[in-house]
Amino acid sequence: MVEKRTLNRIKSVLADKDKTNLWLAEKLGKNKSTISKWCTNDQQPTLETLFDIAEALEVNVCELLVGRKKN
């Protein structure tokens, strides 16, 4: 079985900001199932959409991404 990679922190940042998937869906004009897929890392938003998410949540876009550890 292939391990699913966590690439974004959208779910965590939503929780930190006391916001819901539905709130983000309405704010961005997206379907709530799309937001859910982003939050579970089943799909990833486009780079442009990632900036829109950051703006809606009033965070730097870097806060929405998972960093890689350097060996």
C-alpha atoms as a PDB file:
ATOM      1  CA  MET A   1       0.000   0.000   0.000  1.00  0.00           C
ATOM      2  CA  VAL A   2       1.288   3.446  -0.914  1.00  0.00           C
ATOM      3  CA  GLU A   3       1.520   5.884   1.986  1.00  0.00           C
ATOM      4  CA  LYS A   4      -0.428   9.090   1.433  1.00  0.00           C
ATOM      5  CA  ARG A   5       1.814  12.145   1.754  1.00  0.00           C
ATOM      6  CA  THR A   6       0.688  15.146   3.735  1.00  0.00           C
ATOM      7  CA  LEU A   7       1.498  18.171   1.619  1.00  0.00           C
ATOM      8  CA  ASN A   8      -0.691  20.878   3.081  1.00  0.00           C
ATOM      9  CA  ARG A   9      -1.841  22.081   6.496  1.00  0.00           C
ATOM     10  CA  ILE A  10      -5.185  23.547   5.422  1.00  0.00           C
ATOM     11  CA  LYS A  11      -7.126  21.486   7.977  1.00  0.00           C
ATOM     12  CA  SER A  12      -4.797  22.532  10.817  1.00  0.00           C
ATOM     13  CA  VAL A  13      -4.896  26.207   9.911  1.00  0.00           C
ATOM     14  CA  LEU A  14      -8.699  26.136   9.624  1.00  0.00           C
ATOM     15  CA  ALA A  15      -8.838  24.668  13.139  1.00  0.00           C
ATOM     16  CA  ASP A  16      -6.367  27.251  14.460  1.00  0.00           C
ATOM     17  CA  LYS A  17      -8.561  30.016  13.038  1.00  0.00           C
ATOM     18  CA  ASP A  18     -11.814  28.407  14.319  1.00  0.00           C
ATOM     19  CA  LYS A  19     -13.088  28.135  10.740  1.00  0.00           C
ATOM     20  CA  THR A  20     -14.856  25.245   9.023  1.00  0.00           C
ATOM     21  CA  ASN A  21     -14.596  23.579   5.643  1.00  0.00           C
ATOM     22  CA  LEU A  22     -18.023  25.013   4.829  1.00  0.00           C
ATOM     23  CA  TRP A  23     -16.855  28.542   5.693  1.00  0.00           C
ATOM     24  CA  LEU A  24     -13.853  28.156   3.361  1.00  0.00           C
ATOM     25  CA  ALA A  25     -16.011  26.680   0.602  1.00  0.00           C
ATOM     26  CA  GLU A  26     -18.367  29.654   0.776  1.00  0.00           C
ATOM     27  CA  LYS A  27     -15.497  32.149   0.973  1.00  0.00           C
ATOM     28  CA  LEU A  28     -13.804  30.691  -2.132  1.00  0.00           C
ATOM     29  CA  GLY A  29     -16.949  29.759  -4.055  1.00  0.00           C
ATOM     30  CA  LYS A  30     -15.908  26.096  -4.103  1.00  0.00           C
ATOM     31  CA  ASN A  31     -17.787  22.871  -3.425  1.00  0.00           C
ATOM     32  CA  LYS A  32     -17.484  21.670   0.180  1.00  0.00           C
ATOM     33  CA  SER A  33     -16.358  18.227  -1.046  1.00  0.00           C
ATOM     34  CA  THR A  34     -13.416  19.886  -2.816  1.00  0.00           C
ATOM     35  CA  ILE A  35     -12.383  21.570   0.437  1.00  0.00           C
ATOM     36  CA  SER A  36     -12.700  18.239   2.231  1.00  0.00           C
ATOM     37  CA  LYS A  37     -10.364  16.582  -0.292  1.00  0.00           C
ATOM     38  CA  TRP A  38      -7.815  19.334   0.264  1.00  0.00           C
ATOM     39  CA  CYS A  39      -8.082  18.971   4.049  1.00  0.00           C
ATOM     40  CA  THR A  40      -7.497  15.221   3.871  1.00  0.00           C
ATOM     41  CA  ASN A  41      -4.710  15.643   1.304  1.00  0.00           C
ATOM     42  CA  ASP A  42      -6.573  13.430  -1.176  1.00  0.00           C
ATOM     43  CA  GLN A  43      -6.224  16.303  -3.669  1.00  0.00           C
ATOM     44  CA  GLN A  44      -4.208  19.502  -3.694  1.00  0.00           C
ATOM     45  CA  PRO A  45      -5.364  23.003  -4.606  1.00  0.00           C
ATOM     46  CA  THR A  46      -3.647  24.870  -7.411  1.00  0.00           C
ATOM     47  CA  LEU A  47      -0.935  27.305  -6.443  1.00  0.00           C
ATOM     48  CA  GLU A  48      -3.241  30.217  -7.250  1.00  0.00           C
ATOM     49  CA  THR A  49      -5.974  28.728  -5.059  1.00  0.00           C
ATOM     50  CA  LEU A  50      -3.476  28.164  -2.249  1.00  0.00           C
ATOM     51  CA  PHE A  51      -2.804  31.912  -2.252  1.00  0.00           C
ATOM     52  CA  ASP A  52      -6.575  32.555  -2.176  1.00  0.00           C
ATOM     53  CA  ILE A  53      -6.884  30.228   0.829  1.00  0.00           C
ATOM     54  CA  ALA A  54      -4.044  32.028   2.607  1.00  0.00           C
ATOM     55  CA  GLU A  55      -5.718  35.372   1.961  1.00  0.00           C
ATOM     56  CA  ALA A  56      -9.076  34.120   3.249  1.00  0.00           C
ATOM     57  CA  LEU A  57      -7.430  32.766   6.402  1.00  0.00           C
ATOM     58  CA  GLU A  58      -5.190  35.815   6.798  1.00  0.00           C
ATOM     59  CA  VAL A  59      -1.985  33.774   6.931  1.00  0.00           C
ATOM     60  CA  ASN A  60       1.204  33.593   4.908  1.00  0.00           C
ATOM     61  CA  VAL A  61       0.901  30.943   2.210  1.00  0.00           C
ATOM     62  CA  CYS A  62       3.940  29.183   3.726  1.00  0.00           C
ATOM     63  CA  GLU A  63       1.828  28.349   6.794  1.00  0.00           C
ATOM     64  CA  LEU A  64      -0.373  26.168   4.572  1.00  0.00           C
ATOM     65  CA  LEU A  65       2.499  23.979   3.387  1.00  0.00           C
ATOM     66  CA  VAL A  66       4.288  21.106   5.091  1.00  0.00           C
ATOM     67  CA  GLY A  67       8.041  21.590   5.104  1.00  0.00           C
ATOM     68  CA  ARG A  68      10.512  18.880   4.254  1.00  0.00           C
ATOM     69  CA  LYS A  69      13.190  17.805   6.654  1.00  0.00           C
ATOM     70  CA  LYS A  70      16.729  18.157   5.354  1.00  0.00           C
ATOM     71  CA  ASN A  71      18.996  15.154   5.866  1.00  0.00           C
END
